[in-house]
Amino acid sequence: MPSTPDVRPVGDLPNEIGKTAARELSLNGITHLEQVAQHSQKELLAIHGVGPKAIAILGDALAARGLGFEDA
């Protein structure tokens, strides 16, 4: 199995989300927390490589900036 290229850092997304999540978010045009906040957790979870762990990390990063996920 080929290894996943590590594209981190991606914008201001936390590195802790993992390299697959970072890559896939970037491929979907999401490179900053402000862009994450424009999506619901359900929408983000539908992106390959973005799982509950990445959502929790992104949620904490959003909260630290006074932001949150879009309501579904």
C-alpha atoms as a PDB file:
ATOM      1  CA  MET A   1       0.000   0.000   0.000  1.00  0.00           C
ATOM      2  CA  PRO A   2       1.493   3.377  -0.945  1.00  0.00           C
ATOM      3  CA  SER A   3       2.070   5.802   1.883  1.00  0.00           C
ATOM      4  CA  THR A   4      -0.033   8.932   2.178  1.00  0.00           C
ATOM      5  CA  PRO A   5       1.934  12.042   1.244  1.00  0.00           C
ATOM      6  CA  ASP A   6       2.218  14.470   4.131  1.00  0.00           C
ATOM      7  CA  VAL A   7       1.012  17.870   2.899  1.00  0.00           C
ATOM      8  CA  ARG A   8       0.941  19.450   6.346  1.00  0.00           C
ATOM      9  CA  PRO A   9       0.825  22.190   7.321  1.00  0.00           C
ATOM     10  CA  VAL A  10      -2.322  23.088   5.448  1.00  0.00           C
ATOM     11  CA  GLY A  11      -3.323  26.696   6.039  1.00  0.00           C
ATOM     12  CA  ASP A  12      -4.124  27.081   9.706  1.00  0.00           C
ATOM     13  CA  LEU A  13      -5.595  23.597  10.173  1.00  0.00           C
ATOM     14  CA  PRO A  14      -4.133  21.785  13.178  1.00  0.00           C
ATOM     15  CA  ASN A  15      -1.480  19.197  12.266  1.00  0.00           C
ATOM     16  CA  GLU A  16      -3.017  16.803  14.807  1.00  0.00           C
ATOM     17  CA  ILE A  17      -5.898  16.005  12.422  1.00  0.00           C
ATOM     18  CA  GLY A  18      -3.545  13.660  10.568  1.00  0.00           C
ATOM     19  CA  LYS A  19      -2.030  13.697   7.128  1.00  0.00           C
ATOM     20  CA  THR A  20      -4.892  11.942   5.338  1.00  0.00           C
ATOM     21  CA  ALA A  21      -7.518  14.308   6.741  1.00  0.00           C
ATOM     22  CA  ALA A  22      -5.336  17.331   5.971  1.00  0.00           C
ATOM     23  CA  ARG A  23      -4.787  16.179   2.395  1.00  0.00           C
ATOM     24  CA  GLU A  24      -8.429  15.377   1.743  1.00  0.00           C
ATOM     25  CA  LEU A  25      -9.695  18.628   3.261  1.00  0.00           C
ATOM     26  CA  SER A  26      -7.200  20.512   1.095  1.00  0.00           C
ATOM     27  CA  LEU A  27      -8.341  18.635  -2.015  1.00  0.00           C
ATOM     28  CA  ASN A  28     -11.889  19.726  -1.145  1.00  0.00           C
ATOM     29  CA  GLY A  29     -10.830  23.380  -0.920  1.00  0.00           C
ATOM     30  CA  ILE A  30     -10.788  23.533   2.873  1.00  0.00           C
ATOM     31  CA  THR A  31      -7.490  24.939   4.094  1.00  0.00           C
ATOM     32  CA  HIS A  32      -8.484  27.306   6.914  1.00  0.00           C
ATOM     33  CA  LEU A  33     -10.583  27.037  10.052  1.00  0.00           C
ATOM     34  CA  GLU A  34     -12.943  29.724   8.757  1.00  0.00           C
ATOM     35  CA  GLN A  35     -13.724  27.382   5.860  1.00  0.00           C
ATOM     36  CA  VAL A  36     -14.224  24.445   8.248  1.00  0.00           C
ATOM     37  CA  ALA A  37     -16.787  26.570  10.118  1.00  0.00           C
ATOM     38  CA  GLN A  38     -18.847  26.842   6.918  1.00  0.00           C
ATOM     39  CA  HIS A  39     -19.530  23.088   6.986  1.00  0.00           C
ATOM     40  CA  SER A  40     -21.461  20.783   9.274  1.00  0.00           C
ATOM     41  CA  GLN A  41     -19.794  17.868  11.020  1.00  0.00           C
ATOM     42  CA  LYS A  42     -21.856  15.532   8.819  1.00  0.00           C
ATOM     43  CA  GLU A  43     -20.541  17.184   5.636  1.00  0.00           C
ATOM     44  CA  LEU A  44     -16.960  16.939   6.845  1.00  0.00           C
ATOM     45  CA  LEU A  45     -17.355  13.323   7.936  1.00  0.00           C
ATOM     46  CA  ALA A  46     -18.485  12.503   4.390  1.00  0.00           C
ATOM     47  CA  ILE A  47     -15.006  13.456   3.152  1.00  0.00           C
ATOM     48  CA  HIS A  48     -12.724  10.416   2.852  1.00  0.00           C
ATOM     49  CA  GLY A  49     -10.129  10.404   5.613  1.00  0.00           C
ATOM     50  CA  VAL A  50     -11.995  12.770   7.932  1.00  0.00           C
ATOM     51  CA  GLY A  51     -13.182  10.808  10.927  1.00  0.00           C
ATOM     52  CA  PRO A  52     -14.429  11.449  14.462  1.00  0.00           C
ATOM     53  CA  LYS A  53     -10.915  12.130  15.777  1.00  0.00           C
ATOM     54  CA  ALA A  54     -10.283  14.842  13.167  1.00  0.00           C
ATOM     55  CA  ILE A  55     -13.728  16.339  13.856  1.00  0.00           C
ATOM     56  CA  ALA A  56     -12.983  16.522  17.598  1.00  0.00           C
ATOM     57  CA  ILE A  57      -9.621  18.205  16.954  1.00  0.00           C
ATOM     58  CA  LEU A  58     -11.155  20.637  14.474  1.00  0.00           C
ATOM     59  CA  GLY A  59     -13.982  21.366  16.927  1.00  0.00           C
ATOM     60  CA  ASP A  60     -11.489  22.260  19.656  1.00  0.00           C
ATOM     61  CA  ALA A  61      -9.534  24.493  17.255  1.00  0.00           C
ATOM     62  CA  LEU A  62     -12.740  26.216  16.143  1.00  0.00           C
ATOM     63  CA  ALA A  63     -13.859  26.780  19.739  1.00  0.00           C
ATOM     64  CA  ALA A  64     -10.478  28.313  20.588  1.00  0.00           C
ATOM     65  CA  ARG A  65     -11.209  30.934  17.900  1.00  0.00           C
ATOM     66  CA  GLY A  66     -14.814  31.470  18.944  1.00  0.00           C
ATOM     67  CA  LEU A  67     -16.093  29.534  15.918  1.00  0.00           C
ATOM     68  CA  GLY A  68     -18.118  26.369  15.503  1.00  0.00           C
ATOM     69  CA  PHE A  69     -19.364  23.971  12.863  1.00  0.00           C
ATOM     70  CA  GLU A  70     -22.254  25.006  10.649  1.00  0.00           C
ATOM     71  CA  ASP A  71     -25.541  23.594  11.905  1.00  0.00           C
ATOM     72  CA  ALA A  72     -26.821  20.746   9.763  1.00  0.00           C
END
